[in-house]
Amino acid sequence: MHLSFGRRQFSPSPAFTLLMLALCVIFIALGRWQWRRGTFRAAEHARFERGAREVVALGSAPLTQIPDYQRVSLTGTYDAAHQFLLDNMTYHDVDGYQVLTPLVRPGGDVVLVNRGWVPFLGTRSNLPDVSIKTAAAVTVTGRVGDLPTAGLASGRAPAPAKGPWPRVTGFPTLAQLSGVLGRPLDPHILLLDPHEPDGYVRDWRLAGIPPMQNFAYAFEWWCFAIAALVMWVMLSSKREAQRPAESDRRPSNGVSR
């Protein structure tokens, strides 16, 4: 393809055109992916905000019947003798654990209650005291949630099948914790409200970046696509060589005046 615009000639090479086209397709696809992520995260944040507006009395219903992040209240008895400490949990860049305590409901169903974050005490042999003083039935309020997930497989460490309690574990599955406890667990957990007793640091937030950051990344990728297009045009355009004047093209007779 050869096009002329004034004194400039647009003549892109096929290989360079294919390269810029591939880059544009990749950049546009990455922008769309970030935009979809931002839309998903925005809907998730909206559910998180809606869930805080009211408390649903759960009664004997399982947590699976309630949307994620909805605040609920339920009654049961803490099994303080069998607790888990989720390792590799940080709060304001301080290492620590999140405390998971089974709550046995009147019908026998068991829900893990995340009672919050406690700091690491320097060694794995010196675990924090997470005991519960009351053995009576309690009514607790919290959000329906899930266990934290690890970004890398190296961060996962199942709870030991034997040993003293509480047991330290890193990013386990509910099936693994259920096997250690020897009883089935509800597929969701309860994130204990900050005002509830028998808890620790509970600053519950959605994990990951905010949706506006995803939207910003999308615009960046699309700007890269525009930049690749501009680069293709600029590098494929050349200024035509200036033609010699008519007098310069006349043969010289060797006579000067």
Protein backbone atom coordinates (compact mmCIF):
# COMPACT_ATOMS: atom_id res chain seq x y z
CA MET A 1 0.00 0.00 0.00
CA HIS A 2 1.38 3.35 -1.07
CA LEU A 3 -0.39 6.62 -0.37
CA SER A 4 0.87 10.16 -0.82
CA PHE A 5 -0.14 13.12 1.30
CA GLY A 6 1.54 16.24 0.07
CA ARG A 7 5.26 15.64 0.35
CA ARG A 8 4.84 12.57 2.59
CA GLN A 9 4.45 9.02 1.38
CA PHE A 10 2.66 6.40 3.50
CA SER A 11 4.15 2.99 2.73
CA PRO A 12 3.85 0.50 5.64
CA SER A 13 5.64 -2.81 5.40
CA PRO A 14 3.48 -5.96 5.79
CA ALA A 15 5.56 -7.30 8.70
CA PHE A 16 5.41 -4.03 10.65
CA THR A 17 1.68 -3.74 9.96
CA LEU A 18 1.02 -7.24 11.30
CA LEU A 19 3.11 -6.48 14.41
CA MET A 20 1.21 -3.27 15.18
CA LEU A 21 -2.12 -4.96 14.45
CA ALA A 22 -1.29 -7.77 16.89
CA LEU A 23 -0.28 -5.26 19.57
CA CYS A 24 -3.51 -3.29 19.08
CA VAL A 25 -5.61 -6.46 19.39
CA ILE A 26 -3.75 -7.49 22.56
CA PHE A 27 -4.03 -4.03 24.15
CA ILE A 28 -7.75 -3.76 23.35
CA ALA A 29 -8.39 -7.25 24.73
CA LEU A 30 -6.52 -6.45 27.95
CA GLY A 31 -8.51 -3.23 28.31
CA ARG A 32 -11.79 -5.10 27.91
CA TRP A 33 -10.67 -7.67 30.47
CA GLN A 34 -9.83 -4.95 33.00
CA TRP A 35 -13.16 -3.24 32.31
CA ARG A 36 -15.04 -6.50 32.98
CA ARG A 37 -13.03 -6.95 36.18
CA GLY A 38 -13.95 -3.42 37.24
CA THR A 39 -17.63 -4.04 36.53
CA PHE A 40 -17.53 -7.27 38.54
CA ARG A 41 -15.70 -5.57 41.42
CA ALA A 42 -18.18 -2.66 41.40
CA ALA A 43 -21.10 -5.10 41.70
CA GLU A 44 -19.26 -6.91 44.51
CA HIS A 45 -18.71 -3.65 46.40
CA ALA A 46 -22.40 -2.81 45.94
CA ARG A 47 -23.37 -6.17 47.49
CA PHE A 48 -20.97 -5.54 50.34
CA GLU A 49 -22.60 -2.19 51.06
CA ARG A 50 -26.13 -3.56 50.78
CA GLY A 51 -25.32 -6.39 53.16
CA ALA A 52 -24.56 -3.93 55.96
CA ARG A 53 -27.96 -2.22 55.88
CA GLU A 54 -29.92 -4.85 57.82
CA VAL A 55 -29.47 -8.00 59.88
CA VAL A 56 -31.29 -11.17 58.84
CA ALA A 57 -32.24 -13.51 61.70
CA LEU A 58 -31.10 -16.84 60.29
CA GLY A 59 -32.94 -19.20 62.63
CA SER A 60 -32.12 -22.77 61.59
CA ALA A 61 -31.47 -21.95 57.92
CA PRO A 62 -27.97 -22.61 56.52
CA LEU A 63 -25.72 -19.76 55.43
CA THR A 64 -25.94 -21.02 51.84
CA GLN A 65 -29.45 -19.53 51.60
CA ILE A 66 -28.08 -16.04 52.30
CA PRO A 67 -26.21 -13.84 49.77
CA ASP A 68 -22.53 -13.19 50.31
CA TYR A 69 -21.69 -10.26 52.65
CA GLN A 70 -25.21 -10.14 54.12
CA ARG A 71 -25.25 -9.52 57.87
CA VAL A 72 -27.05 -12.28 59.77
CA SER A 73 -27.62 -13.31 63.37
CA LEU A 74 -27.53 -16.90 64.54
CA THR A 75 -27.47 -18.77 67.82
CA GLY A 76 -25.12 -21.52 68.93
CA THR A 77 -22.39 -22.58 71.32
CA TYR A 78 -18.71 -21.92 70.68
CA ASP A 79 -16.49 -25.01 70.57
CA ALA A 80 -13.57 -23.22 72.21
CA ALA A 81 -11.58 -26.45 72.57
CA HIS A 82 -11.15 -26.86 68.79
CA GLN A 83 -10.01 -23.65 67.13
CA PHE A 84 -7.85 -22.82 64.12
CA LEU A 85 -5.37 -20.00 63.55
CA LEU A 86 -5.13 -18.88 59.94
CA ASP A 87 -1.46 -18.14 59.34
CA ASN A 88 0.08 -15.44 57.11
CA MET A 89 -2.63 -12.90 57.85
CA THR A 90 -1.43 -9.29 58.04
CA TYR A 91 -3.06 -6.16 59.39
CA HIS A 92 -1.40 -2.80 58.64
CA ASP A 93 1.70 -4.74 57.53
CA VAL A 94 1.92 -6.61 60.87
CA ASP A 95 2.05 -10.41 60.76
CA GLY A 96 -0.57 -12.37 62.62
CA TYR A 97 -3.40 -14.88 62.53
CA GLN A 98 -7.15 -14.89 62.01
CA VAL A 99 -9.04 -16.91 64.62
CA LEU A 100 -11.59 -19.49 63.41
CA THR A 101 -13.90 -20.91 66.08
CA PRO A 102 -16.61 -23.53 65.43
CA LEU A 103 -20.10 -22.48 66.45
CA VAL A 104 -22.39 -25.47 67.05
CA ARG A 105 -25.97 -24.50 66.24
CA PRO A 106 -29.04 -26.03 68.02
CA GLY A 107 -29.73 -28.43 65.15
CA GLY A 108 -26.15 -29.71 65.18
CA ASP A 109 -24.89 -27.76 62.17
CA VAL A 110 -21.45 -26.19 62.62
CA VAL A 111 -20.40 -22.79 61.28
CA LEU A 112 -16.86 -21.45 61.50
CA VAL A 113 -16.80 -17.96 62.99
CA ASN A 114 -13.89 -15.72 62.09
CA ARG A 115 -13.39 -13.82 65.35
CA GLY A 116 -10.77 -11.48 63.92
CA TRP A 117 -7.04 -10.88 63.72
CA VAL A 118 -4.44 -11.36 66.46
CA PRO A 119 -0.70 -10.49 66.19
CA PHE A 120 2.11 -12.98 65.76
CA LEU A 121 4.07 -13.36 69.02
CA GLY A 122 7.49 -14.08 67.55
CA THR A 123 7.54 -17.87 67.31
CA ARG A 124 5.16 -20.59 66.18
CA SER A 125 5.60 -22.27 69.58
CA ASN A 126 4.20 -19.21 71.34
CA LEU A 127 0.62 -18.97 70.12
CA PRO A 128 -1.79 -16.22 71.22
CA ASP A 129 -4.42 -16.95 73.85
CA VAL A 130 -7.74 -17.18 72.00
CA SER A 131 -9.76 -18.89 74.71
CA ILE A 132 -13.43 -18.07 75.28
CA LYS A 133 -14.58 -17.68 78.86
CA THR A 134 -18.28 -18.35 78.43
CA ALA A 135 -19.59 -21.83 77.61
CA ALA A 136 -23.24 -20.80 77.30
CA ALA A 137 -25.18 -20.41 74.09
CA VAL A 138 -24.67 -17.07 72.34
CA THR A 139 -26.39 -15.13 69.59
CA VAL A 140 -23.83 -13.58 67.28
CA THR A 141 -24.04 -11.20 64.35
CA GLY A 142 -21.73 -11.07 61.37
CA ARG A 143 -21.38 -11.16 57.62
CA VAL A 144 -21.67 -14.25 55.45
CA GLY A 145 -18.22 -14.82 53.96
CA ASP A 146 -15.65 -17.32 52.78
CA LEU A 147 -12.20 -18.43 53.83
CA PRO A 148 -9.27 -16.33 52.56
CA THR A 149 -7.58 -17.76 49.49
CA ALA A 150 -3.88 -17.81 48.69
CA GLY A 151 -2.42 -16.15 45.63
CA LEU A 152 0.35 -18.76 45.49
CA ALA A 153 0.18 -22.48 46.22
CA SER A 154 3.27 -22.16 48.43
CA GLY A 155 1.20 -20.27 51.01
CA ARG A 156 -1.14 -23.20 51.65
CA ALA A 157 -0.62 -25.45 54.66
CA PRO A 158 -3.36 -27.85 55.83
CA ALA A 159 -4.09 -28.03 59.53
CA PRO A 160 -2.29 -30.94 61.22
CA ALA A 161 -4.50 -33.92 61.92
CA LYS A 162 -3.01 -34.37 65.39
CA GLY A 163 -1.56 -32.15 68.04
CA PRO A 164 -2.61 -29.51 70.55
CA TRP A 165 -5.25 -26.90 69.88
CA PRO A 166 -5.50 -24.28 68.46
CA ARG A 167 -3.98 -25.59 65.24
CA VAL A 168 -2.14 -23.36 62.82
CA THR A 169 -3.05 -23.63 59.14
CA GLY A 170 -2.36 -21.61 56.02
CA PHE A 171 -5.16 -20.99 53.51
CA PRO A 172 -6.98 -24.31 54.07
CA THR A 173 -10.18 -25.45 52.43
CA LEU A 174 -13.35 -26.06 54.40
CA ALA A 175 -13.12 -29.73 53.47
CA GLN A 176 -9.68 -29.94 55.10
CA LEU A 177 -10.87 -28.23 58.28
CA SER A 178 -13.96 -30.43 58.34
CA GLY A 179 -11.75 -33.51 58.14
CA VAL A 180 -9.63 -32.34 61.07
CA LEU A 181 -12.69 -31.54 63.18
CA GLY A 182 -14.39 -34.80 62.24
CA ARG A 183 -17.71 -33.09 61.49
CA PRO A 184 -19.26 -31.38 58.45
CA LEU A 185 -19.04 -27.60 58.20
CA ASP A 186 -21.31 -25.05 56.59
CA PRO A 187 -19.91 -24.08 53.15
CA HIS A 188 -19.64 -20.45 54.30
CA ILE A 189 -18.16 -18.84 57.39
CA LEU A 190 -19.33 -15.94 59.55
CA LEU A 191 -17.24 -12.77 59.79
CA LEU A 192 -17.99 -11.59 63.32
CA ASP A 193 -19.23 -7.99 63.59
CA PRO A 194 -16.79 -5.52 65.19
CA HIS A 195 -19.15 -4.73 68.10
CA GLU A 196 -19.62 -8.39 69.09
CA PRO A 197 -17.82 -9.70 72.21
CA ASP A 198 -15.23 -12.50 72.19
CA GLY A 199 -13.55 -11.05 69.12
CA TYR A 200 -10.33 -9.36 68.05
CA VAL A 201 -9.44 -6.92 65.26
CA ARG A 202 -12.29 -7.05 62.74
CA ASP A 203 -11.81 -4.52 59.98
CA TRP A 204 -13.62 -6.46 57.27
CA ARG A 205 -12.98 -5.23 53.75
CA LEU A 206 -13.14 -6.71 50.30
CA ALA A 207 -9.82 -8.12 49.15
CA GLY A 208 -8.20 -6.81 45.99
CA ILE A 209 -7.99 -3.43 44.31
CA PRO A 210 -10.97 -1.03 44.08
CA PRO A 211 -13.03 -1.10 40.86
CA MET A 212 -11.92 2.39 39.76
CA GLN A 213 -8.37 1.11 39.53
CA ASN A 214 -9.50 -1.62 37.14
CA PHE A 215 -11.25 1.01 35.01
CA ALA A 216 -8.06 3.12 35.04
CA TYR A 217 -6.03 0.11 33.88
CA ALA A 218 -8.55 -0.44 31.06
CA PHE A 219 -8.08 3.14 29.80
CA GLU A 220 -4.30 2.70 29.98
CA TRP A 221 -4.40 -0.40 27.78
CA TRP A 222 -6.64 1.36 25.27
CA CYS A 223 -4.26 4.32 25.22
CA PHE A 224 -1.45 1.87 24.43
CA ALA A 225 -3.53 0.63 21.46
CA ILE A 226 -3.93 4.21 20.19
CA ALA A 227 -0.21 4.83 20.70
CA ALA A 228 0.62 1.70 18.67
CA LEU A 229 -1.63 2.95 15.87
CA VAL A 230 0.02 6.39 15.89
CA MET A 231 3.47 4.76 15.90
CA TRP A 232 2.48 2.61 12.92
CA VAL A 233 1.42 5.69 10.96
CA MET A 234 4.44 7.79 11.93
CA LEU A 235 7.07 5.15 11.26
CA SER A 236 5.44 4.12 7.98
CA SER A 237 5.42 7.67 6.61
CA LYS A 238 8.44 9.13 4.85
CA ARG A 239 9.08 12.52 3.33
CA GLU A 240 9.55 12.36 -0.42
CA ALA A 241 12.89 13.46 -1.76
CA GLN A 242 12.71 16.99 -3.15
CA ARG A 243 12.78 17.04 -6.95
CA PRO A 244 15.55 19.14 -8.53
CA ALA A 245 14.51 22.40 -10.15
CA GLU A 246 14.11 22.55 -13.95
CA SER A 247 17.22 24.70 -14.29
CA ASP A 248 19.22 22.17 -12.31
CA ARG A 249 18.24 19.41 -14.73
CA ARG A 250 19.43 21.30 -17.84
CA PRO A 251 22.75 20.08 -19.22
CA SER A 252 25.58 22.49 -18.81
CA ASN A 253 27.44 23.69 -21.94
CA GLY A 254 30.42 24.71 -19.96
CA VAL A 255 29.94 28.43 -20.85
CA SER A 256 29.52 30.90 -18.09
CA ARG A 257 28.41 34.47 -18.39
